[in-house]
Amino acid sequence: LHMIPATGITSSLAKSSTAAALNSPKLVVTLDASGAIGVDGQTLTAQQLTDMIRQKGDPAHTVVTIAGTHDTSLQNVMKVMDACRTAGVTQIGLAAQKQ
């Protein structure tokens, strides 16, 4: 993904030479270096993220994009992915900035 304007972290995304533009995701989850999970300006725990996704509708048809900063740990990315998959999400992407 080249950028996600709504996140405000476009300039600190990880870079990828193969990043491709995607259709607008249904849910953008931000993740900072400290592991803080954010959705629409609200900070959530992993369990709260799972619960929120379940309440929003059909998780199997929810497209989630994780927008982590370039210094986000892989373990924190996995925590968010696990929370999404626990909710039933099958389509998860990672935001990156074109190199």
N, C-alpha and C. Protein backbone atom coordinates (compact mmCIF):
# COMPACT_ATOMS: atom_id res chain seq x y z
N LEU A 1 0.86 -1.17 0.00
CA LEU A 1 0.00 0.00 0.00
C LEU A 1 0.90 1.22 0.00
N HIS A 2 0.66 2.15 -0.91
CA HIS A 2 1.50 3.34 -0.98
C HIS A 2 1.31 4.25 0.23
N MET A 3 0.11 4.49 0.59
CA MET A 3 -0.15 5.33 1.75
C MET A 3 -1.60 5.19 2.16
N ILE A 4 -1.84 5.50 3.41
CA ILE A 4 -3.19 5.53 3.94
C ILE A 4 -3.35 6.90 4.58
N PRO A 5 -3.90 7.87 3.86
CA PRO A 5 -3.96 9.24 4.35
C PRO A 5 -4.63 9.39 5.71
N ALA A 6 -5.61 8.58 6.04
CA ALA A 6 -6.34 8.74 7.30
C ALA A 6 -5.50 8.44 8.53
N THR A 7 -4.39 7.72 8.38
CA THR A 7 -3.63 7.32 9.56
C THR A 7 -2.71 8.41 10.07
N GLY A 8 -2.24 9.29 9.20
CA GLY A 8 -1.34 10.33 9.62
C GLY A 8 0.08 9.84 9.88
N ILE A 9 0.36 8.56 9.56
CA ILE A 9 1.71 8.04 9.79
C ILE A 9 2.39 7.63 8.49
N THR A 10 1.88 8.12 7.38
CA THR A 10 2.41 7.73 6.08
C THR A 10 3.92 7.87 6.01
N SER A 11 4.47 8.95 6.53
CA SER A 11 5.91 9.19 6.40
C SER A 11 6.74 8.26 7.26
N SER A 12 6.15 7.58 8.24
CA SER A 12 6.93 6.69 9.08
C SER A 12 6.62 5.21 8.85
N LEU A 13 5.93 4.91 7.75
CA LEU A 13 5.67 3.52 7.41
C LEU A 13 6.94 2.84 6.96
N ALA A 14 6.98 1.53 7.08
CA ALA A 14 8.09 0.76 6.53
C ALA A 14 8.09 0.93 5.02
N LYS A 15 9.25 0.79 4.42
CA LYS A 15 9.37 0.96 2.97
C LYS A 15 9.45 -0.40 2.28
N SER A 16 8.90 -0.47 1.08
CA SER A 16 8.91 -1.70 0.30
C SER A 16 9.04 -1.35 -1.17
N SER A 17 9.93 -2.05 -1.87
CA SER A 17 10.09 -1.79 -3.31
C SER A 17 8.97 -2.45 -4.11
N THR A 18 8.21 -3.35 -3.50
CA THR A 18 7.13 -4.03 -4.21
C THR A 18 5.75 -3.64 -3.71
N ALA A 19 5.66 -2.56 -2.95
CA ALA A 19 4.37 -2.12 -2.43
C ALA A 19 3.43 -1.81 -3.59
N ALA A 20 2.18 -2.19 -3.43
CA ALA A 20 1.18 -1.95 -4.46
C ALA A 20 -0.02 -1.25 -3.84
N ALA A 21 -0.66 -0.44 -4.63
CA ALA A 21 -1.86 0.25 -4.16
C ALA A 21 -2.99 -0.75 -4.00
N LEU A 22 -3.73 -0.63 -2.92
CA LEU A 22 -4.88 -1.49 -2.65
C LEU A 22 -6.13 -0.64 -2.61
N ASN A 23 -7.27 -1.27 -2.81
CA ASN A 23 -8.53 -0.57 -2.61
C ASN A 23 -8.60 -0.15 -1.16
N SER A 24 -9.41 0.82 -0.87
CA SER A 24 -9.53 1.30 0.50
C SER A 24 -9.90 0.15 1.44
N PRO A 25 -9.13 -0.02 2.51
CA PRO A 25 -9.46 -1.07 3.47
C PRO A 25 -10.71 -0.69 4.25
N LYS A 26 -11.39 -1.69 4.76
CA LYS A 26 -12.58 -1.42 5.57
C LYS A 26 -12.18 -0.97 6.97
N LEU A 27 -11.00 -1.41 7.43
CA LEU A 27 -10.55 -1.06 8.77
C LEU A 27 -9.04 -0.87 8.75
N VAL A 28 -8.60 0.29 9.18
CA VAL A 28 -7.17 0.56 9.30
C VAL A 28 -6.81 0.52 10.78
N VAL A 29 -5.85 -0.33 11.11
CA VAL A 29 -5.37 -0.45 12.48
C VAL A 29 -3.97 0.12 12.52
N THR A 30 -3.75 1.13 13.34
CA THR A 30 -2.41 1.70 13.47
C THR A 30 -1.69 1.03 14.62
N LEU A 31 -0.39 0.99 14.50
CA LEU A 31 0.44 0.32 15.50
C LEU A 31 1.73 1.11 15.61
N ASP A 32 2.03 1.61 16.81
CA ASP A 32 3.26 2.39 16.95
C ASP A 32 4.37 1.55 17.58
N ALA A 33 5.53 2.14 17.73
CA ALA A 33 6.71 1.43 18.22
C ALA A 33 6.51 0.86 19.63
N SER A 34 5.66 1.49 20.42
CA SER A 34 5.43 1.01 21.78
C SER A 34 4.43 -0.15 21.83
N GLY A 35 3.79 -0.43 20.68
CA GLY A 35 2.81 -1.51 20.63
C GLY A 35 1.38 -1.04 20.81
N ALA A 36 1.18 0.28 20.89
CA ALA A 36 -0.17 0.82 21.05
C ALA A 36 -0.98 0.58 19.77
N ILE A 37 -2.17 0.02 19.94
CA ILE A 37 -3.08 -0.29 18.84
C ILE A 37 -4.09 0.83 18.73
N GLY A 38 -4.30 1.35 17.53
CA GLY A 38 -5.26 2.42 17.35
C GLY A 38 -6.22 2.16 16.20
N VAL A 39 -7.46 2.58 16.39
CA VAL A 39 -8.48 2.54 15.34
C VAL A 39 -9.29 3.82 15.46
N ASP A 40 -9.34 4.58 14.38
CA ASP A 40 -10.10 5.83 14.35
C ASP A 40 -9.75 6.75 15.52
N GLY A 41 -8.48 6.85 15.86
CA GLY A 41 -8.03 7.74 16.93
C GLY A 41 -8.23 7.21 18.33
N GLN A 42 -8.75 6.01 18.46
CA GLN A 42 -9.00 5.41 19.77
C GLN A 42 -7.96 4.33 20.03
N THR A 43 -7.36 4.32 21.23
CA THR A 43 -6.39 3.29 21.61
C THR A 43 -7.14 2.10 22.18
N LEU A 44 -6.78 0.90 21.70
CA LEU A 44 -7.46 -0.33 22.10
C LEU A 44 -6.45 -1.39 22.56
N THR A 45 -6.92 -2.31 23.37
CA THR A 45 -6.14 -3.51 23.66
C THR A 45 -6.42 -4.51 22.53
N ALA A 46 -5.65 -5.58 22.49
CA ALA A 46 -5.88 -6.60 21.47
C ALA A 46 -7.29 -7.20 21.62
N GLN A 47 -7.72 -7.44 22.84
CA GLN A 47 -9.06 -8.00 23.07
C GLN A 47 -10.14 -7.01 22.64
N GLN A 48 -9.95 -5.74 22.92
CA GLN A 48 -10.92 -4.74 22.49
C GLN A 48 -11.00 -4.67 20.97
N LEU A 49 -9.85 -4.83 20.30
CA LEU A 49 -9.85 -4.85 18.83
C LEU A 49 -10.66 -6.03 18.31
N THR A 50 -10.44 -7.20 18.89
CA THR A 50 -11.20 -8.39 18.50
C THR A 50 -12.70 -8.16 18.69
N ASP A 51 -13.08 -7.63 19.84
CA ASP A 51 -14.49 -7.39 20.13
C ASP A 51 -15.09 -6.36 19.17
N MET A 52 -14.34 -5.29 18.87
CA MET A 52 -14.82 -4.25 17.97
C MET A 52 -15.07 -4.81 16.57
N ILE A 53 -14.14 -5.64 16.08
CA ILE A 53 -14.29 -6.23 14.74
C ILE A 53 -15.53 -7.12 14.70
N ARG A 54 -15.73 -7.91 15.72
CA ARG A 54 -16.91 -8.79 15.78
C ARG A 54 -18.20 -8.00 15.77
N GLN A 55 -18.22 -6.85 16.41
CA GLN A 55 -19.43 -6.03 16.51
C GLN A 55 -19.72 -5.25 15.23
N LYS A 56 -18.70 -5.03 14.39
CA LYS A 56 -18.87 -4.21 13.19
C LYS A 56 -19.61 -4.91 12.06
N GLY A 57 -19.77 -6.21 12.12
CA GLY A 57 -20.44 -6.89 11.02
C GLY A 57 -19.81 -8.23 10.73
N ASP A 58 -19.65 -8.54 9.46
CA ASP A 58 -19.15 -9.84 9.03
C ASP A 58 -17.62 -9.83 8.94
N PRO A 59 -16.92 -10.36 9.96
CA PRO A 59 -15.46 -10.34 9.96
C PRO A 59 -14.83 -11.05 8.76
N ALA A 60 -15.50 -12.07 8.24
CA ALA A 60 -14.94 -12.80 7.10
C ALA A 60 -14.84 -11.93 5.85
N HIS A 61 -15.62 -10.85 5.81
CA HIS A 61 -15.58 -9.95 4.66
C HIS A 61 -15.01 -8.58 5.03
N THR A 62 -14.37 -8.50 6.18
CA THR A 62 -13.73 -7.27 6.62
C THR A 62 -12.27 -7.30 6.19
N VAL A 63 -11.85 -6.27 5.48
CA VAL A 63 -10.46 -6.15 5.05
C VAL A 63 -9.75 -5.23 6.04
N VAL A 64 -8.73 -5.76 6.71
CA VAL A 64 -7.98 -4.99 7.69
C VAL A 64 -6.60 -4.69 7.13
N THR A 65 -6.17 -3.44 7.28
CA THR A 65 -4.80 -3.06 6.94
C THR A 65 -4.12 -2.57 8.20
N ILE A 66 -2.98 -3.16 8.50
CA ILE A 66 -2.20 -2.76 9.66
C ILE A 66 -1.16 -1.75 9.20
N ALA A 67 -1.21 -0.56 9.77
CA ALA A 67 -0.27 0.51 9.43
C ALA A 67 0.65 0.72 10.62
N GLY A 68 1.76 0.01 10.61
CA GLY A 68 2.74 0.14 11.68
C GLY A 68 3.85 1.08 11.28
N THR A 69 4.43 1.74 12.26
CA THR A 69 5.58 2.59 11.97
C THR A 69 6.77 1.72 11.61
N HIS A 70 7.80 2.32 11.01
CA HIS A 70 8.96 1.55 10.55
C HIS A 70 9.69 0.86 11.69
N ASP A 71 9.47 1.30 12.93
CA ASP A 71 10.15 0.67 14.06
C ASP A 71 9.23 -0.18 14.93
N THR A 72 8.08 -0.55 14.41
CA THR A 72 7.16 -1.45 15.10
C THR A 72 7.76 -2.85 15.13
N SER A 73 7.68 -3.51 16.26
CA SER A 73 8.25 -4.87 16.35
C SER A 73 7.34 -5.88 15.66
N LEU A 74 7.96 -6.91 15.16
CA LEU A 74 7.22 -7.99 14.51
C LEU A 74 6.25 -8.65 15.50
N GLN A 75 6.64 -8.75 16.75
CA GLN A 75 5.77 -9.35 17.76
C GLN A 75 4.49 -8.56 17.93
N ASN A 76 4.59 -7.24 17.89
CA ASN A 76 3.38 -6.41 18.00
C ASN A 76 2.50 -6.54 16.78
N VAL A 77 3.10 -6.67 15.60
CA VAL A 77 2.32 -6.90 14.38
C VAL A 77 1.58 -8.23 14.50
N MET A 78 2.26 -9.25 15.00
CA MET A 78 1.63 -10.56 15.16
C MET A 78 0.49 -10.50 16.17
N LYS A 79 0.63 -9.70 17.23
CA LYS A 79 -0.43 -9.54 18.22
C LYS A 79 -1.69 -8.99 17.56
N VAL A 80 -1.53 -7.99 16.70
CA VAL A 80 -2.67 -7.40 16.01
C VAL A 80 -3.27 -8.40 15.02
N MET A 81 -2.41 -9.10 14.28
CA MET A 81 -2.91 -10.10 13.33
C MET A 81 -3.69 -11.19 14.06
N ASP A 82 -3.18 -11.65 15.19
CA ASP A 82 -3.88 -12.66 15.98
C ASP A 82 -5.24 -12.15 16.46
N ALA A 83 -5.29 -10.89 16.90
CA ALA A 83 -6.56 -10.31 17.36
C ALA A 83 -7.58 -10.27 16.22
N CYS A 84 -7.10 -9.92 15.03
CA CYS A 84 -7.98 -9.88 13.85
C CYS A 84 -8.45 -11.27 13.46
N ARG A 85 -7.54 -12.22 13.43
CA ARG A 85 -7.91 -13.59 13.06
C ARG A 85 -8.83 -14.22 14.10
N THR A 86 -8.62 -13.91 15.38
CA THR A 86 -9.51 -14.42 16.43
C THR A 86 -10.93 -13.92 16.20
N ALA A 87 -11.05 -12.69 15.68
CA ALA A 87 -12.38 -12.12 15.39
C ALA A 87 -13.00 -12.74 14.15
N GLY A 88 -12.19 -13.42 13.31
CA GLY A 88 -12.71 -14.05 12.10
C GLY A 88 -12.26 -13.40 10.81
N VAL A 89 -11.37 -12.40 10.89
CA VAL A 89 -10.87 -11.72 9.69
C VAL A 89 -9.92 -12.65 8.95
N THR A 90 -10.09 -12.71 7.63
CA THR A 90 -9.20 -13.54 6.80
C THR A 90 -8.38 -12.70 5.82
N GLN A 91 -8.71 -11.42 5.69
CA GLN A 91 -8.00 -10.55 4.75
C GLN A 91 -7.27 -9.46 5.52
N ILE A 92 -5.96 -9.63 5.69
CA ILE A 92 -5.15 -8.69 6.45
C ILE A 92 -3.99 -8.24 5.56
N GLY A 93 -3.78 -6.95 5.45
CA GLY A 93 -2.67 -6.40 4.71
C GLY A 93 -1.79 -5.55 5.59
N LEU A 94 -0.59 -5.30 5.13
CA LEU A 94 0.35 -4.42 5.84
C LEU A 94 0.59 -3.18 4.98
N ALA A 95 0.48 -2.03 5.60
CA ALA A 95 0.72 -0.78 4.89
C ALA A 95 2.22 -0.56 4.78
N ALA A 96 2.65 -0.08 3.62
CA ALA A 96 4.06 0.25 3.40
C ALA A 96 4.13 1.46 2.51
N GLN A 97 5.26 2.11 2.55
CA GLN A 97 5.50 3.26 1.69
C GLN A 97 6.38 2.80 0.53
N LYS A 98 6.03 3.18 -0.69
CA LYS A 98 6.80 2.79 -1.86
C LYS A 98 8.20 3.34 -1.74
N GLN A 99 9.19 2.50 -1.98
CA GLN A 99 10.59 2.89 -1.87
C GLN A 99 11.07 3.62 -3.08
